[in-house]
Amino acid sequence: MISKETPDKILLDKYEQLKKYIKSLGSAAVAFSSGVDSTFLLYAAKEALGDKVIALTASSCSFPERELTETKAFCSEHGIEQVIVRAKELEIEGFAQNPPNRCYLCKRELFGKFVAIAEERGINAILEGSNLDDNGDYRPGLMAVEELNIKSPLRSIGFTKEEIRILSAYLGLPTWDKQSFACLSTRFPYGEEITEEKLLMIDKAEQLLLDLGFKQLRVRIHGKMARIELLPSDFDRFMEEKTRLLVHDEFKKIGFDYIALDIRGYRTGSMNETL
């Protein structure tokens, strides 16, 4: 359960350090997905640079429409120019076959487009929102970030996810208690082909669970089987007959043949457990 907590002086000083660093760049483009980290980073960049910051957002079949809508609303509210880049990850050679370096292939292509936009506009730096906690999992996309000289100030300064949430609540950001999200391609086991049809199935299935009030979740796809990851504290509510049967029937309509609840529960990077 995420709760609001007042940041101490050390954390507030760290936030000032972040803004000071971003301001020293002169201008920046922030890779913005409406997630907890990128929203916090974009807000800090806006405070530090004013009109000398823009948001770069990917639009793709791996990115739910609700997330794209949230990026537009945030940028509009805060007066931030947003550039939406159409990503065609399924056209990247090798991506659809879902190799272990899938994220690298996608990030290399997408951030390459971001670099071109920044260069065209004379923007000094591109920022992305990975944090200190991202160092503990298999994240090949960070290799592409380093190769293209994309800056990761939250990692560099040493922000954890919890610290970002605390500061986000303090700053009044709507994402302070938002569920963690990763692109829908992460729901596939390595080696299983990624298709637009299956991405849409996952999107619809996760949206259903969100509409039912479940917050932190994943629907992993294994062929025509859905493996649902929920917080263990949500198991009892999920197993209530009305909810359980509703999920079963709706998932069948979406196109799944079998629906299973993962008894270990939600965790990030569960598809990496087989590597």
Protein backbone atom coordinates (compact mmCIF):
# COMPACT_ATOMS: atom_id res chain seq x y z
CA MET A 1 0.00 0.00 0.00
CA ILE A 2 1.49 3.31 -1.08
CA SER A 3 1.08 6.12 1.46
CA LYS A 4 1.89 9.79 1.43
CA GLU A 5 4.95 10.79 3.42
CA THR A 6 6.46 14.24 3.90
CA PRO A 7 9.96 14.40 2.36
CA ASP A 8 12.79 15.20 4.76
CA LYS A 9 15.42 17.86 4.14
CA ILE A 10 17.84 15.36 2.62
CA LEU A 11 15.29 14.34 0.00
CA LEU A 12 14.26 17.93 -0.72
CA ASP A 13 17.93 18.83 -1.16
CA LYS A 14 18.27 15.92 -3.61
CA TYR A 15 15.37 17.34 -5.61
CA GLU A 16 17.08 20.72 -5.73
CA GLN A 17 20.24 18.96 -6.91
CA LEU A 18 18.22 17.36 -9.71
CA LYS A 19 16.80 20.69 -10.86
CA LYS A 20 20.22 22.33 -10.67
CA TYR A 21 21.71 19.60 -12.86
CA ILE A 22 18.92 19.84 -15.43
CA LYS A 23 19.18 23.63 -15.52
CA SER A 24 22.91 23.33 -16.26
CA LEU A 25 22.03 21.51 -19.50
CA GLY A 26 20.48 24.66 -20.95
CA SER A 27 17.73 22.77 -22.81
CA ALA A 28 16.38 19.24 -22.76
CA ALA A 29 13.89 16.79 -24.24
CA VAL A 30 12.33 14.31 -21.81
CA ALA A 31 11.21 10.83 -22.87
CA PHE A 32 7.71 10.96 -21.39
CA SER A 33 5.36 8.00 -20.99
CA SER A 34 3.08 9.30 -18.16
CA GLY A 35 4.64 6.79 -15.76
CA VAL A 36 5.68 7.67 -12.21
CA ASP A 37 9.33 8.30 -13.07
CA SER A 38 9.01 10.17 -16.37
CA THR A 39 6.24 12.41 -15.01
CA PHE A 40 8.39 13.37 -12.03
CA LEU A 41 11.40 13.99 -14.29
CA LEU A 42 9.41 16.08 -16.76
CA TYR A 43 7.95 18.18 -13.95
CA ALA A 44 11.42 18.82 -12.52
CA ALA A 45 12.72 19.70 -16.00
CA LYS A 46 9.85 22.16 -16.51
CA GLU A 47 10.65 23.82 -13.18
CA ALA A 48 14.35 23.98 -14.06
CA LEU A 49 14.18 24.98 -17.72
CA GLY A 50 10.76 26.53 -18.30
CA ASP A 51 10.05 26.70 -22.04
CA LYS A 52 13.42 25.16 -22.87
CA VAL A 53 12.10 21.66 -22.28
CA ILE A 54 9.90 19.51 -24.51
CA ALA A 55 8.30 16.11 -23.99
CA LEU A 56 8.88 13.26 -26.43
CA THR A 57 6.23 10.55 -26.33
CA ALA A 58 6.02 7.29 -28.28
CA SER A 59 2.73 6.21 -29.80
CA SER A 60 2.62 2.51 -30.57
CA CYS A 61 0.63 -0.71 -30.29
CA SER A 62 2.69 -1.58 -27.18
CA PHE A 63 1.51 1.60 -25.45
CA PRO A 64 -2.14 1.69 -24.27
CA GLU A 65 -4.28 4.59 -25.47
CA ARG A 66 -5.08 5.54 -21.86
CA GLU A 67 -1.39 6.22 -21.21
CA LEU A 68 -1.05 8.38 -24.33
CA THR A 69 -4.14 10.35 -23.29
CA GLU A 70 -2.60 10.97 -19.87
CA THR A 71 0.61 12.32 -21.43
CA LYS A 72 -1.37 14.80 -23.51
CA ALA A 73 -3.40 15.97 -20.51
CA PHE A 74 -0.31 16.47 -18.34
CA CYS A 75 1.57 18.43 -20.99
CA SER A 76 -1.47 20.60 -21.68
CA GLU A 77 -1.98 21.33 -17.99
CA HIS A 78 1.64 22.33 -17.45
CA GLY A 79 2.20 24.19 -20.70
CA ILE A 80 4.80 21.75 -22.02
CA GLU A 81 5.29 21.27 -25.75
CA GLN A 82 4.85 17.62 -26.65
CA VAL A 83 6.10 15.81 -29.72
CA ILE A 84 4.43 12.45 -30.36
CA VAL A 85 6.57 9.99 -32.27
CA ARG A 86 4.97 7.06 -34.03
CA ALA A 87 6.93 3.95 -33.10
CA LYS A 88 6.65 0.92 -35.37
CA GLU A 89 8.42 -1.62 -33.22
CA LEU A 90 6.89 -4.65 -34.97
CA GLU A 91 8.70 -3.54 -38.13
CA ILE A 92 12.12 -3.57 -36.43
CA GLU A 93 14.12 -6.54 -37.67
CA GLY A 94 14.05 -9.30 -35.06
CA PHE A 95 11.71 -7.53 -32.61
CA ALA A 96 8.55 -9.55 -33.25
CA GLN A 97 10.44 -12.79 -32.58
CA ASN A 98 10.90 -11.49 -29.02
CA PRO A 99 14.57 -12.27 -28.33
CA PRO A 100 16.03 -11.52 -24.88
CA ASN A 101 17.43 -8.22 -26.24
CA ARG A 102 14.00 -7.12 -27.53
CA CYS A 103 13.98 -4.02 -25.34
CA TYR A 104 17.38 -3.00 -26.69
CA LEU A 105 16.15 -3.23 -30.28
CA CYS A 106 13.11 -1.09 -29.51
CA LYS A 107 14.90 1.52 -27.40
CA ARG A 108 17.69 1.84 -29.94
CA GLU A 109 15.17 2.57 -32.70
CA LEU A 110 12.94 4.89 -30.65
CA PHE A 111 15.67 6.88 -28.95
CA GLY A 112 17.41 7.19 -32.31
CA LYS A 113 14.30 9.06 -33.49
CA PHE A 114 14.40 11.18 -30.32
CA VAL A 115 18.04 12.07 -30.98
CA ALA A 116 17.19 13.21 -34.51
CA ILE A 117 14.40 15.47 -33.19
CA ALA A 118 16.67 16.96 -30.52
CA GLU A 119 19.41 17.65 -33.05
CA GLU A 120 16.97 19.25 -35.47
CA ARG A 121 15.70 21.57 -32.75
CA GLY A 122 19.10 22.36 -31.26
CA ILE A 123 18.23 20.75 -27.92
CA ASN A 124 21.27 19.97 -25.81
CA ALA A 125 20.25 16.75 -24.05
CA ILE A 126 17.70 13.94 -23.96
CA LEU A 127 16.62 12.69 -20.54
CA GLU A 128 14.97 9.42 -19.59
CA GLY A 129 13.45 8.37 -16.29
CA SER A 130 15.08 5.14 -15.11
CA ASN A 131 15.82 5.17 -11.38
CA LEU A 132 18.22 3.45 -9.00
CA ASP A 133 15.91 0.45 -8.54
CA ASP A 134 16.15 -0.34 -12.26
CA ASN A 135 19.77 -1.43 -11.75
CA GLY A 136 18.61 -4.66 -10.11
CA ASP A 137 16.85 -6.31 -13.05
CA TYR A 138 17.76 -7.41 -16.57
CA ARG A 139 17.20 -4.24 -18.60
CA PRO A 140 18.89 -4.40 -22.02
CA GLY A 141 17.18 -1.15 -23.01
CA LEU A 142 19.57 0.73 -20.75
CA MET A 143 22.41 -0.33 -23.04
CA ALA A 144 20.76 1.58 -25.90
CA VAL A 145 20.34 4.57 -23.59
CA GLU A 146 24.06 4.58 -22.86
CA GLU A 147 25.08 4.03 -26.50
CA LEU A 148 23.06 7.04 -27.65
CA ASN A 149 24.29 9.24 -24.79
CA ILE A 150 20.82 9.64 -23.31
CA LYS A 151 21.06 11.04 -19.80
CA SER A 152 19.47 9.28 -16.81
CA PRO A 153 19.55 11.93 -14.05
CA LEU A 154 17.33 10.02 -11.62
CA ARG A 155 19.76 7.11 -11.65
CA SER A 156 22.83 9.36 -11.64
CA ILE A 157 21.69 11.35 -8.62
CA GLY A 158 20.45 8.20 -6.89
CA PHE A 159 16.66 8.43 -6.67
CA THR A 160 14.77 5.28 -5.66
CA LYS A 161 11.19 4.60 -6.73
CA GLU A 162 9.96 5.24 -3.20
CA GLU A 163 11.70 8.62 -3.07
CA ILE A 164 10.18 9.58 -6.41
CA ARG A 165 6.72 8.69 -5.13
CA ILE A 166 7.23 10.68 -1.92
CA LEU A 167 8.36 13.76 -3.81
CA SER A 168 5.63 13.33 -6.42
CA ALA A 169 2.99 13.40 -3.67
CA TYR A 170 4.64 16.45 -2.11
CA LEU A 171 4.63 18.22 -5.50
CA GLY A 172 0.99 17.31 -6.14
CA LEU A 173 1.67 15.09 -9.14
CA PRO A 174 -1.23 12.75 -10.01
CA THR A 175 1.15 9.84 -10.58
CA TRP A 176 2.48 9.61 -7.00
CA ASP A 177 0.48 6.43 -6.34
CA LYS A 178 0.06 5.26 -9.93
CA GLN A 179 0.70 1.60 -10.62
CA SER A 180 4.06 0.73 -12.16
CA PHE A 181 3.77 0.12 -15.88
CA ALA A 182 5.95 -1.39 -18.58
CA CYS A 183 5.26 -1.65 -22.29
CA LEU A 184 2.88 -4.44 -23.28
CA SER A 185 5.61 -6.36 -25.11
CA THR A 186 7.02 -7.33 -21.70
CA ARG A 187 3.99 -9.60 -21.21
CA PHE A 188 5.31 -12.19 -23.69
CA PRO A 189 7.71 -15.05 -22.85
CA TYR A 190 10.98 -14.67 -24.73
CA GLY A 191 10.73 -16.47 -28.05
CA GLU A 192 6.95 -16.16 -28.39
CA GLU A 193 6.02 -14.03 -31.38
CA ILE A 194 4.68 -10.56 -30.59
CA THR A 195 1.70 -9.58 -32.75
CA GLU A 196 -0.59 -6.57 -32.78
CA GLU A 197 -3.56 -8.89 -32.17
CA LYS A 198 -2.04 -10.30 -28.98
CA LEU A 199 -0.97 -6.85 -27.77
CA LEU A 200 -4.57 -5.73 -28.12
CA MET A 201 -5.76 -8.78 -26.18
CA ILE A 202 -3.41 -7.94 -23.32
CA ASP A 203 -4.44 -4.29 -23.35
CA LYS A 204 -8.15 -5.18 -23.15
CA ALA A 205 -7.56 -7.75 -20.42
CA GLU A 206 -5.53 -5.39 -18.24
CA GLN A 207 -8.02 -2.57 -18.78
CA LEU A 208 -10.81 -4.86 -17.55
CA LEU A 209 -8.92 -5.60 -14.34
CA LEU A 210 -8.16 -1.91 -13.84
CA ASP A 211 -11.85 -1.10 -14.34
CA LEU A 212 -12.67 -3.66 -11.66
CA GLY A 213 -10.51 -1.72 -9.21
CA PHE A 214 -7.34 -3.81 -9.22
CA LYS A 215 -4.37 -1.48 -9.27
CA GLN A 216 -0.98 -3.17 -9.58
CA LEU A 217 -1.20 -6.02 -12.08
CA ARG A 218 0.06 -7.73 -15.19
CA VAL A 219 -1.60 -10.06 -17.68
CA ARG A 220 1.13 -12.28 -19.13
CA ILE A 221 0.32 -14.16 -22.32
CA HIS A 222 1.39 -17.75 -23.02
CA GLY A 223 -0.04 -18.80 -26.38
CA LYS A 224 -3.80 -18.51 -25.77
CA MET A 225 -3.47 -18.62 -21.98
CA ALA A 226 -3.60 -15.53 -19.75
CA ARG A 227 -1.54 -15.63 -16.54
CA ILE A 228 -2.80 -12.91 -14.22
CA GLU A 229 -0.42 -11.35 -11.69
CA LEU A 230 -2.09 -9.44 -8.86
CA LEU A 231 -0.91 -8.27 -5.46
CA PRO A 232 -1.46 -11.17 -3.01
CA SER A 233 -3.62 -8.82 -0.92
CA ASP A 234 -6.07 -8.78 -3.87
CA PHE A 235 -6.36 -12.56 -4.17
CA ASP A 236 -9.42 -12.90 -1.92
CA ARG A 237 -11.35 -10.21 -3.77
CA PHE A 238 -10.41 -11.70 -7.14
CA MET A 239 -11.59 -15.15 -6.04
CA GLU A 240 -15.05 -13.95 -5.09
CA GLU A 241 -17.36 -15.90 -7.37
CA LYS A 242 -18.92 -12.91 -9.13
CA THR A 243 -15.54 -11.35 -9.94
CA ARG A 244 -13.84 -14.63 -10.83
CA LEU A 245 -16.55 -15.68 -13.27
CA LEU A 246 -16.79 -12.21 -14.79
CA VAL A 247 -13.04 -12.16 -15.48
CA HIS A 248 -13.21 -15.66 -16.93
CA ASP A 249 -16.10 -14.86 -19.27
CA GLU A 250 -14.68 -11.52 -20.44
CA PHE A 251 -11.19 -12.94 -21.02
CA LYS A 252 -12.76 -15.70 -23.13
CA LYS A 253 -14.51 -13.03 -25.21
CA ILE A 254 -11.17 -11.26 -25.66
CA GLY A 255 -9.72 -14.46 -27.13
CA PHE A 256 -8.02 -16.39 -24.32
CA ASP A 257 -8.68 -20.14 -24.08
CA TYR A 258 -7.40 -20.50 -20.51
CA ILE A 259 -7.18 -18.01 -17.63
CA ALA A 260 -4.91 -18.60 -14.63
CA LEU A 261 -4.01 -16.66 -11.48
CA ASP A 262 -0.28 -16.66 -10.68
CA ILE A 263 -0.13 -17.73 -7.00
CA ARG A 264 3.17 -15.95 -6.44
CA GLY A 265 1.54 -12.65 -7.32
CA TYR A 266 2.62 -9.49 -9.07
CA ARG A 267 6.32 -8.78 -9.54
CA THR A 268 8.29 -6.84 -12.10
CA GLY A 269 10.30 -8.69 -14.72
CA SER A 270 8.73 -12.11 -14.13
CA MET A 271 9.47 -13.07 -17.74
CA ASN A 272 13.19 -12.66 -16.94
CA GLU A 273 12.99 -15.54 -14.45
CA THR A 274 13.60 -18.02 -17.27
CA LEU A 275 16.84 -16.37 -18.42
